[in-house]
Structures are given as C-alpha cells and as structure tokens.
C-alpha atoms as a PDB file:
ATOM      1  CA  UNK A   1     -40.071 -10.878  35.456  1.00  0.00           C
ATOM      2  CA  UNK A   2     -37.506 -13.619  35.703  1.00  0.00           C
ATOM      3  CA  UNK A   3     -33.869 -12.707  36.149  1.00  0.00           C
ATOM      4  CA  UNK A   4     -32.727 -14.207  32.847  1.00  0.00           C
ATOM      5  CA  UNK A   5     -35.299 -12.146  30.981  1.00  0.00           C
ATOM      6  CA  UNK A   6     -34.096  -8.970  32.678  1.00  0.00           C
ATOM      7  CA  UNK A   7     -30.518  -9.799  31.708  1.00  0.00           C
ATOM      8  CA  UNK A   8     -31.546 -10.386  28.103  1.00  0.00           C
ATOM      9  CA  UNK A   9     -33.451  -7.096  27.995  1.00  0.00           C
ATOM     10  CA  UNK A  10     -30.499  -5.202  29.440  1.00  0.00           C
ATOM     11  CA  UNK A  11     -28.145  -6.885  26.968  1.00  0.00           C
ATOM     12  CA  UNK A  12     -30.467  -6.042  24.082  1.00  0.00           C
ATOM     13  CA  UNK A  13     -30.662  -2.400  25.229  1.00  0.00           C
ATOM     14  CA  UNK A  14     -26.874  -2.147  25.454  1.00  0.00           C
ATOM     15  CA  UNK A  15     -26.419  -3.614  21.978  1.00  0.00           C
ATOM     16  CA  UNK A  16     -29.056  -1.264  20.588  1.00  0.00           C
ATOM     17  CA  UNK A  17     -27.442   1.799  22.181  1.00  0.00           C
ATOM     18  CA  UNK A  18     -24.049   0.698  20.874  1.00  0.00           C
ATOM     19  CA  UNK A  19     -25.413   0.927  17.321  1.00  0.00           C
ATOM     20  CA  UNK A  20     -26.102   4.660  17.569  1.00  0.00           C
ATOM     21  CA  UNK A  21     -22.570   5.755  16.519  1.00  0.00           C
ATOM     22  CA  UNK A  22     -22.675   3.440  13.504  1.00  0.00           C
ATOM     23  CA  UNK A  23     -26.125   4.629  12.505  1.00  0.00           C
ATOM     24  CA  UNK A  24     -24.789   8.171  12.725  1.00  0.00           C
ATOM     25  CA  UNK A  25     -21.764   7.150  10.631  1.00  0.00           C
ATOM     26  CA  UNK A  26     -24.135   5.892   7.949  1.00  0.00           C
ATOM     27  CA  UNK A  27     -25.871   9.261   7.974  1.00  0.00           C
ATOM     28  CA  UNK A  28     -22.501  11.051   7.615  1.00  0.00           C
ATOM     29  CA  UNK A  29     -21.432   8.679   4.839  1.00  0.00           C
ATOM     30  CA  UNK A  30     -24.635   9.545   3.001  1.00  0.00           C
ATOM     31  CA  UNK A  31     -24.001  13.268   3.362  1.00  0.00           C
ATOM     32  CA  UNK A  32     -20.430  12.908   2.125  1.00  0.00           C
ATOM     33  CA  UNK A  33     -21.542  10.725  -0.777  1.00  0.00           C
ATOM     34  CA  UNK A  34     -24.079  13.338  -1.888  1.00  0.00           C
ATOM     35  CA  UNK A  35     -21.541  16.141  -1.549  1.00  0.00           C
ATOM     36  CA  UNK A  36     -18.964  14.276  -3.629  1.00  0.00           C
ATOM     37  CA  UNK A  37     -21.536  13.577  -6.350  1.00  0.00           C
ATOM     38  CA  UNK A  38     -22.576  17.222  -6.426  1.00  0.00           C
ATOM     39  CA  UNK A  39     -19.046  18.423  -7.165  1.00  0.00           C
ATOM     40  CA  UNK A  40     -18.083  19.148 -10.717  1.00  0.00           C
ATOM     41  CA  UNK A  41     -15.814  16.372 -11.893  1.00  0.00           C
ATOM     42  CA  UNK A  42     -12.738  17.953 -13.413  1.00  0.00           C
ATOM     43  CA  UNK A  43      -9.713  15.991 -14.525  1.00  0.00           C
ATOM     44  CA  UNK A  44      -6.472  17.721 -13.619  1.00  0.00           C
ATOM     45  CA  UNK A  45      -3.853  16.761 -16.159  1.00  0.00           C
ATOM     46  CA  UNK A  46      -0.342  17.917 -16.937  1.00  0.00           C
ATOM     47  CA  UNK A  47       0.270  17.815 -20.707  1.00  0.00           C
ATOM     48  CA  UNK A  48       3.977  17.178 -20.064  1.00  0.00           C
ATOM     49  CA  UNK A  49       3.354  13.791 -18.427  1.00  0.00           C
ATOM     50  CA  UNK A  50       1.610  10.492 -19.079  1.00  0.00           C
ATOM     51  CA  UNK A  51      -0.096   8.772 -16.145  1.00  0.00           C
ATOM     52  CA  UNK A  52       0.445   5.063 -15.567  1.00  0.00           C
ATOM     53  CA  UNK A  53      -1.651   3.175 -13.041  1.00  0.00           C
ATOM     54  CA  UNK A  54      -0.046   0.318 -11.155  1.00  0.00           C
ATOM     55  CA  UNK A  55       1.096  -1.320  -7.932  1.00  0.00           C
ATOM     56  CA  UNK A  56       4.631  -1.545  -6.564  1.00  0.00           C
ATOM     57  CA  UNK A  57       4.399  -3.987  -3.625  1.00  0.00           C
ATOM     58  CA  UNK A  58       3.018  -7.399  -4.606  1.00  0.00           C
ATOM     59  CA  UNK A  59       3.747 -10.923  -3.364  1.00  0.00           C
ATOM     60  CA  UNK A  60       2.774 -14.375  -4.562  1.00  0.00           C
ATOM     61  CA  UNK A  61       3.169 -17.777  -2.926  1.00  0.00           C
ATOM     62  CA  UNK A  62       6.779 -17.826  -4.183  1.00  0.00           C
ATOM     63  CA  UNK A  63       7.982 -15.217  -1.722  1.00  0.00           C
ATOM     64  CA  UNK A  64       5.628 -15.823   1.165  1.00  0.00           C
ATOM     65  CA  UNK A  65       3.076 -13.500   2.805  1.00  0.00           C
ATOM     66  CA  UNK A  66       0.613 -14.513   0.095  1.00  0.00           C
ATOM     67  CA  UNK A  67      -1.201 -17.569  -1.207  1.00  0.00           C
ATOM     68  CA  UNK A  68      -1.901 -15.953  -4.581  1.00  0.00           C
ATOM     69  CA  UNK A  69      -0.806 -17.554  -7.824  1.00  0.00           C
ATOM     70  CA  UNK A  70       0.226 -16.080 -11.164  1.00  0.00           C
ATOM     71  CA  UNK A  71      -3.126 -16.630 -12.879  1.00  0.00           C
ATOM     72  CA  UNK A  72      -5.019 -14.792 -10.138  1.00  0.00           C
ATOM     73  CA  UNK A  73      -2.593 -11.882 -10.247  1.00  0.00           C
ATOM     74  CA  UNK A  74      -2.661 -11.550 -14.031  1.00  0.00           C
ATOM     75  CA  UNK A  75      -6.447 -11.673 -14.037  1.00  0.00           C
ATOM     76  CA  UNK A  76      -6.744  -9.088 -11.237  1.00  0.00           C
ATOM     77  CA  UNK A  77      -4.313  -6.693 -12.928  1.00  0.00           C
ATOM     78  CA  UNK A  78      -6.235  -6.885 -16.204  1.00  0.00           C
ATOM     79  CA  UNK A  79      -9.646  -6.411 -14.556  1.00  0.00           C
ATOM     80  CA  UNK A  80      -8.385  -3.286 -12.768  1.00  0.00           C
ATOM     81  CA  UNK A  81      -6.851  -1.842 -15.945  1.00  0.00           C
ATOM     82  CA  UNK A  82      -3.355  -1.621 -14.477  1.00  0.00           C
ATOM     83  CA  UNK A  83      -0.456  -0.530 -16.645  1.00  0.00           C
ATOM     84  CA  UNK A  84       2.242  -2.116 -14.487  1.00  0.00           C
ATOM     85  CA  UNK A  85       2.795  -4.348 -11.455  1.00  0.00           C
ATOM     86  CA  UNK A  86       6.110  -4.422  -9.601  1.00  0.00           C
ATOM     87  CA  UNK A  87       6.552  -7.878  -8.091  1.00  0.00           C
ATOM     88  CA  UNK A  88       8.370  -7.784  -4.740  1.00  0.00           C
ATOM     89  CA  UNK A  89       8.862 -11.376  -3.693  1.00  0.00           C
ATOM     90  CA  UNK A  90      10.714 -11.989  -0.446  1.00  0.00           C
ATOM     91  CA  UNK A  91      14.285 -13.113  -0.928  1.00  0.00           C
ATOM     92  CA  UNK A  92      15.726 -16.577  -0.385  1.00  0.00           C
ATOM     93  CA  UNK A  93      19.259 -17.548   0.520  1.00  0.00           C
ATOM     94  CA  UNK A  94      19.688 -20.276  -2.080  1.00  0.00           C
ATOM     95  CA  UNK A  95      17.834 -18.994  -5.142  1.00  0.00           C
ATOM     96  CA  UNK A  96      16.767 -15.807  -6.911  1.00  0.00           C
ATOM     97  CA  UNK A  97      13.059 -15.220  -6.263  1.00  0.00           C
ATOM     98  CA  UNK A  98      12.940 -12.321  -8.726  1.00  0.00           C
ATOM     99  CA  UNK A  99      13.894 -14.706 -11.549  1.00  0.00           C
ATOM    100  CA  UNK A 100      10.985 -17.000 -10.674  1.00  0.00           C
ATOM    101  CA  UNK A 101       8.198 -14.439 -10.487  1.00  0.00           C
ATOM    102  CA  UNK A 102       6.198 -12.680 -13.207  1.00  0.00           C
ATOM    103  CA  UNK A 103       8.115 -10.445 -15.592  1.00  0.00           C
ATOM    104  CA  UNK A 104       7.579  -8.814 -18.964  1.00  0.00           C
ATOM    105  CA  UNK A 105       4.423  -7.770 -20.779  1.00  0.00           C
ATOM    106  CA  UNK A 106       1.634 -10.224 -20.000  1.00  0.00           C
ATOM    107  CA  UNK A 107      -1.936  -9.694 -21.158  1.00  0.00           C
ATOM    108  CA  UNK A 108      -1.285  -5.978 -21.694  1.00  0.00           C
ATOM    109  CA  UNK A 109       0.265  -5.397 -18.249  1.00  0.00           C
ATOM    110  CA  UNK A 110       3.973  -4.796 -17.626  1.00  0.00           C
ATOM    111  CA  UNK A 111       5.260  -6.978 -14.776  1.00  0.00           C
ATOM    112  CA  UNK A 112       8.601  -5.943 -13.247  1.00  0.00           C
ATOM    113  CA  UNK A 113      10.421  -8.608 -11.254  1.00  0.00           C
ATOM    114  CA  UNK A 114      11.540  -6.876  -8.046  1.00  0.00           C
ATOM    115  CA  UNK A 115      12.053  -8.083  -4.482  1.00  0.00           C
ATOM    116  CA  UNK A 116      11.435  -7.088  -0.868  1.00  0.00           C
ATOM    117  CA  UNK A 117      14.901  -6.979   0.666  1.00  0.00           C
ATOM    118  CA  UNK A 118      16.173  -6.703   4.234  1.00  0.00           C
ATOM    119  CA  UNK A 119      19.535  -5.184   5.071  1.00  0.00           C
ATOM    120  CA  UNK A 120      21.113  -5.444   8.511  1.00  0.00           C
ATOM    121  CA  UNK A 121      18.838  -2.637   9.755  1.00  0.00           C
ATOM    122  CA  UNK A 122      16.187  -1.734   7.164  1.00  0.00           C
ATOM    123  CA  UNK A 123      13.785  -3.072   4.542  1.00  0.00           C
ATOM    124  CA  UNK A 124      13.473  -1.995   0.901  1.00  0.00           C
ATOM    125  CA  UNK A 125      11.560  -2.724  -2.273  1.00  0.00           C
ATOM    126  CA  UNK A 126      14.240  -3.452  -4.855  1.00  0.00           C
ATOM    127  CA  UNK A 127      13.507  -2.688  -8.530  1.00  0.00           C
ATOM    128  CA  UNK A 128      14.533  -4.748 -10.349  1.00  0.00           C
ATOM    129  CA  UNK A 129      15.520  -7.840  -8.389  1.00  0.00           C
ATOM    130  CA  UNK A 130      18.951  -9.331  -7.853  1.00  0.00           C
ATOM    131  CA  UNK A 131      20.373 -12.828  -7.393  1.00  0.00           C
ATOM    132  CA  UNK A 132      22.428 -11.493  -4.467  1.00  0.00           C
ATOM    133  CA  UNK A 133      19.511  -9.835  -2.644  1.00  0.00           C
ATOM    134  CA  UNK A 134      19.166 -12.760  -0.236  1.00  0.00           C
ATOM    135  CA  UNK A 135      22.572 -11.874   1.243  1.00  0.00           C
ATOM    136  CA  UNK A 136      21.708  -8.224   1.920  1.00  0.00           C
ATOM    137  CA  UNK A 137      20.762  -8.921   5.549  1.00  0.00           C
ATOM    138  CA  UNK A 138      24.471  -9.300   6.287  1.00  0.00           C
ATOM    139  CA  UNK A 139      25.483  -5.831   5.089  1.00  0.00           C
ATOM    140  CA  UNK A 140      24.687  -2.248   6.012  1.00  0.00           C
ATOM    141  CA  UNK A 141      22.039  -0.181   4.282  1.00  0.00           C
ATOM    142  CA  UNK A 142      24.707   2.150   2.883  1.00  0.00           C
ATOM    143  CA  UNK A 143      26.639  -0.734   1.323  1.00  0.00           C
ATOM    144  CA  UNK A 144      23.462  -2.267  -0.071  1.00  0.00           C
ATOM    145  CA  UNK A 145      22.377   0.989  -1.712  1.00  0.00           C
ATOM    146  CA  UNK A 146      25.828   1.605  -3.149  1.00  0.00           C
ATOM    147  CA  UNK A 147      25.842  -1.872  -4.687  1.00  0.00           C
ATOM    148  CA  UNK A 148      22.390  -1.729  -6.255  1.00  0.00           C
ATOM    149  CA  UNK A 149      22.869   1.814  -7.569  1.00  0.00           C
ATOM    150  CA  UNK A 150      26.023   0.658  -9.339  1.00  0.00           C
ATOM    151  CA  UNK A 151      23.730  -1.839 -11.092  1.00  0.00           C
ATOM    152  CA  UNK A 152      21.206   0.914 -12.024  1.00  0.00           C
ATOM    153  CA  UNK A 153      18.554  -0.459  -9.670  1.00  0.00           C
ATOM    154  CA  UNK A 154      16.175   1.441  -7.374  1.00  0.00           C
ATOM    155  CA  UNK A 155      15.456   0.954  -3.672  1.00  0.00           C
ATOM    156  CA  UNK A 156      12.259   2.224  -2.039  1.00  0.00           C
ATOM    157  CA  UNK A 157      11.905   2.294   1.736  1.00  0.00           C
ATOM    158  CA  UNK A 158       9.041   0.084   2.891  1.00  0.00           C
ATOM    159  CA  UNK A 159       7.532   0.141   6.401  1.00  0.00           C
ATOM    160  CA  UNK A 160       8.978   3.614   7.132  1.00  0.00           C
ATOM    161  CA  UNK A 161       7.787   3.421  10.744  1.00  0.00           C
ATOM    162  CA  UNK A 162      10.508   0.785  11.285  1.00  0.00           C
ATOM    163  CA  UNK A 163      13.214   2.404   9.164  1.00  0.00           C
ATOM    164  CA  UNK A 164      16.440   3.462  10.898  1.00  0.00           C
ATOM    165  CA  UNK A 165      18.930   4.760   8.307  1.00  0.00           C
ATOM    166  CA  UNK A 166      17.252   7.957   7.172  1.00  0.00           C
ATOM    167  CA  UNK A 167      20.451   9.609   5.955  1.00  0.00           C
ATOM    168  CA  UNK A 168      20.969   6.866   3.333  1.00  0.00           C
ATOM    169  CA  UNK A 169      20.767   7.506  -0.412  1.00  0.00           C
ATOM    170  CA  UNK A 170      17.427   5.753  -0.998  1.00  0.00           C
ATOM    171  CA  UNK A 171      15.310   6.393  -4.097  1.00  0.00           C
ATOM    172  CA  UNK A 172      11.785   6.633  -2.737  1.00  0.00           C
ATOM    173  CA  UNK A 173       9.423   5.851   0.113  1.00  0.00           C
ATOM    174  CA  UNK A 174       6.353   3.658   0.297  1.00  0.00           C
ATOM    175  CA  UNK A 175       4.177   5.515   2.790  1.00  0.00           C
ATOM    176  CA  UNK A 176       1.037   3.405   2.686  1.00  0.00           C
ATOM    177  CA  UNK A 177       0.483  -0.321   3.074  1.00  0.00           C
ATOM    178  CA  UNK A 178      -2.937  -1.981   3.084  1.00  0.00           C
ATOM    179  CA  UNK A 179      -1.490  -4.860   5.090  1.00  0.00           C
ATOM    180  CA  UNK A 180      -0.051  -2.618   7.810  1.00  0.00           C
ATOM    181  CA  UNK A 181      -3.162  -0.482   8.095  1.00  0.00           C
ATOM    182  CA  UNK A 182      -5.500  -3.476   8.163  1.00  0.00           C
ATOM    183  CA  UNK A 183      -3.707  -4.793  11.260  1.00  0.00           C
ATOM    184  CA  UNK A 184      -4.424  -1.503  13.069  1.00  0.00           C
ATOM    185  CA  UNK A 185      -8.171  -1.647  12.527  1.00  0.00           C
ATOM    186  CA  UNK A 186     -10.597  -2.461  15.311  1.00  0.00           C
ATOM    187  CA  UNK A 187     -12.484  -5.573  14.090  1.00  0.00           C
ATOM    188  CA  UNK A 188     -15.575  -4.604  16.095  1.00  0.00           C
ATOM    189  CA  UNK A 189     -15.798  -1.075  14.670  1.00  0.00           C
ATOM    190  CA  UNK A 190     -15.131  -2.288  11.134  1.00  0.00           C
ATOM    191  CA  UNK A 191     -17.783  -5.008  11.473  1.00  0.00           C
ATOM    192  CA  UNK A 192     -20.563  -2.696  12.600  1.00  0.00           C
ATOM    193  CA  UNK A 193     -19.708   0.051  10.117  1.00  0.00           C
ATOM    194  CA  UNK A 194     -19.730  -2.611   7.404  1.00  0.00           C
ATOM    195  CA  UNK A 195     -23.112  -3.948   8.559  1.00  0.00           C
ATOM    196  CA  UNK A 196     -24.721  -0.513   8.492  1.00  0.00           C
ATOM    197  CA  UNK A 197     -22.933   1.191   5.590  1.00  0.00           C
ATOM    198  CA  UNK A 198     -20.759  -1.005   3.405  1.00  0.00           C
ATOM    199  CA  UNK A 199     -23.510  -2.113   1.028  1.00  0.00           C
ATOM    200  CA  UNK A 200     -24.432   1.482   0.180  1.00  0.00           C
ATOM    201  CA  UNK A 201     -21.066   3.252   0.567  1.00  0.00           C
ATOM    202  CA  UNK A 202     -18.240   0.690   0.236  1.00  0.00           C
ATOM    203  CA  UNK A 203     -15.550   3.146  -0.890  1.00  0.00           C
ATOM    204  CA  UNK A 204     -16.255   5.592   1.943  1.00  0.00           C
ATOM    205  CA  UNK A 205     -16.243   2.867   4.596  1.00  0.00           C
ATOM    206  CA  UNK A 206     -12.860   1.644   3.399  1.00  0.00           C
ATOM    207  CA  UNK A 207     -11.520   5.202   3.168  1.00  0.00           C
ATOM    208  CA  UNK A 208     -12.421   5.751   6.817  1.00  0.00           C
ATOM    209  CA  UNK A 209     -10.240   2.894   7.996  1.00  0.00           C
ATOM    210  CA  UNK A 210      -7.400   2.949   5.475  1.00  0.00           C
ATOM    211  CA  UNK A 211      -5.474   6.116   6.221  1.00  0.00           C
ATOM    212  CA  UNK A 212      -1.855   7.266   5.820  1.00  0.00           C
ATOM    213  CA  UNK A 213      -1.416   9.494   8.854  1.00  0.00           C
ATOM    214  CA  UNK A 214       1.142   7.454  10.823  1.00  0.00           C
ATOM    215  CA  UNK A 215       3.369   6.722   7.835  1.00  0.00           C
ATOM    216  CA  UNK A 216       3.380  10.360   6.702  1.00  0.00           C
ATOM    217  CA  UNK A 217       4.208  11.525  10.234  1.00  0.00           C
ATOM    218  CA  UNK A 218       7.157   9.137  10.316  1.00  0.00           C
ATOM    219  CA  UNK A 219       8.480  10.359   6.971  1.00  0.00           C
ATOM    220  CA  UNK A 220       8.012  14.053   7.719  1.00  0.00           C
ATOM    221  CA  UNK A 221       9.619  13.703  11.142  1.00  0.00           C
ATOM    222  CA  UNK A 222      12.752  12.237   9.574  1.00  0.00           C
ATOM    223  CA  UNK A 223      12.711  14.276   6.350  1.00  0.00           C
ATOM    224  CA  UNK A 224      11.355  17.853   6.521  1.00  0.00           C
ATOM    225  CA  UNK A 225       8.998  18.965   3.771  1.00  0.00           C
ATOM    226  CA  UNK A 226      11.628  21.153   2.122  1.00  0.00           C
ATOM    227  CA  UNK A 227      13.824  18.098   1.495  1.00  0.00           C
ATOM    228  CA  UNK A 228      11.256  15.775  -0.091  1.00  0.00           C
ATOM    229  CA  UNK A 229       8.318  16.541  -2.356  1.00  0.00           C
ATOM    230  CA  UNK A 230       5.721  13.788  -2.498  1.00  0.00           C
ATOM    231  CA  UNK A 231       3.771  12.615  -5.502  1.00  0.00           C
ATOM    232  CA  UNK A 232       0.907  10.238  -4.696  1.00  0.00           C
ATOM    233  CA  UNK A 233      -0.083   7.527  -7.110  1.00  0.00           C
ATOM    234  CA  UNK A 234      -2.864   5.105  -6.157  1.00  0.00           C
ATOM    235  CA  UNK A 235      -2.108   5.027  -2.473  1.00  0.00           C
ATOM    236  CA  UNK A 236       1.655   5.376  -2.853  1.00  0.00           C
ATOM    237  CA  UNK A 237       3.975   8.338  -2.524  1.00  0.00           C
ATOM    238  CA  UNK A 238       7.482   8.812  -3.900  1.00  0.00           C
ATOM    239  CA  UNK A 239      10.239  11.357  -3.894  1.00  0.00           C
ATOM    240  CA  UNK A 240       9.456  13.666  -6.788  1.00  0.00           C
ATOM    241  CA  UNK A 241      12.421  12.721  -8.929  1.00  0.00           C
ATOM    242  CA  UNK A 242      11.035   9.207  -9.195  1.00  0.00           C
ATOM    243  CA  UNK A 243       7.447  10.204  -9.822  1.00  0.00           C
ATOM    244  CA  UNK A 244       8.248   9.332 -13.410  1.00  0.00           C
ATOM    245  CA  UNK A 245       5.905   6.363 -13.287  1.00  0.00           C
ATOM    246  CA  UNK A 246       4.106   9.166 -15.099  1.00  0.00           C
ATOM    247  CA  UNK A 247       6.668   9.468 -17.932  1.00  0.00           C
ATOM    248  CA  UNK A 248       7.581  12.906 -19.244  1.00  0.00           C
ATOM    249  CA  UNK A 249       6.601  13.340 -22.864  1.00  0.00           C
ATOM    250  CA  UNK A 250       9.257  14.186 -25.388  1.00  0.00           C
END
C-alpha cells in the first residue's frame, strides 16, 4: 500500500475515534430528553406575584457591539412573547444614547431605555439611562451610584468577573451573559456536538455549553449567600429586593 493511502487511512481512523465522545453525548442527550419528558409538568406559582418575561441587556447598532436594528428587535421580542426589553446602549461622550434607542410600549412590549455604563473601575447596566452617563468613566463607582440613586435609577453589575468595588451600594447583579459564555466555548467541541445532536436536541446542546458556574462563583466569593438571595429570571439573577420584575399583587 502506498504511503499516502496509509496516511489517509490513519487520518480517517483518528477522526472516527474522535467521534466516539460525541456519539456518546448524543446517547446521553437522548436519555436526558426522555427523562425530562417523563416528569410530571407542574407549574410552580406564587399567587402574590405576577411573572414578567423579558431581557435586561440588549444593544443595537446605536451603541455598538451589535448590528441589529429596531425593526429586528421589535419583531424578535414579539415572536418570543416578551413583556419587556431593557435597552442598554453603550454611552457616548457627546450625546445621550438612551434618548435615541427604543422606549415605551411598542407592539405590546415595554421597551425601557437604559445604558451600559463604565465608571473609573466598574461596569453597570443603568436603568433608566442618563444624558450624563457618558462622563461616568471619570468618577468613582461610589459617586456614580450616589448620583443615579438620587435620580431614582437602578444600577446592575454586569461582567461580575471583572468587578472591583463589591462594597458599593449596587442594586443587582447580572450573573449570566450569552456573549461572555460563547467566547469560552471550544469551537471544535461545539461543532461536533452540533453535528451529532443539535438537530434532535437543540435545547440540551445549548444548555451544555451555556452555563453560569464562573459568574456565580465570582458573586458568591465576594458576597456570601447570607447577604444576597438570588432570583433567576430567564438566565438572569438579581438581588431579591429587585426581583420585582415579577410585580407583587395588591
């Protein structure tokens, strides 16, 4: 047998053997899928609260980090039956990005015009936005929070793994980001799991690679469990006192 044929056969054998873990993953996905479907589906509801489904960290082409436009965002929010979307455009030095983005009730969805703001040391999601937010990078986190709280605004820590001022009077914590987690994925592993399993078990494949572990470890290391209670809502978690995206009745 010629050398090039031997090399091809060896390469083929290596590729074939490399598929074994992904074939096994497909088998495990199938088992998990069947187990989930066999469970009794029970809705756990608290009669004292209303649940609202939405997103709190969204950009468009206005603030960078996105090429999306308003029409695409409005259409996507409606198709996913969202109740609210908090826009968090990046700030600009010379104009108010929160005044230029979506706001108000549009097509049955409440859009809140917030911003993603950087102080001298940290980054926050500001709700609602401010014309002065573009200057926040020149002041301390404590001064920024004092200013926005005097205006009855909220500030949620974003990218907690990079946050420094944990003793500040912030209002909540974003502990999961699709963007951040996507950058940590191994493209090769994702590709082969997708080839073998995504068509049949798309949600389970995504759940395997989108996980919160690192962000939760960062938060818990800086704030012990007895100090903060978490309420998760669609991939987000907040300090309990601001879990009122599910509004208390009465």
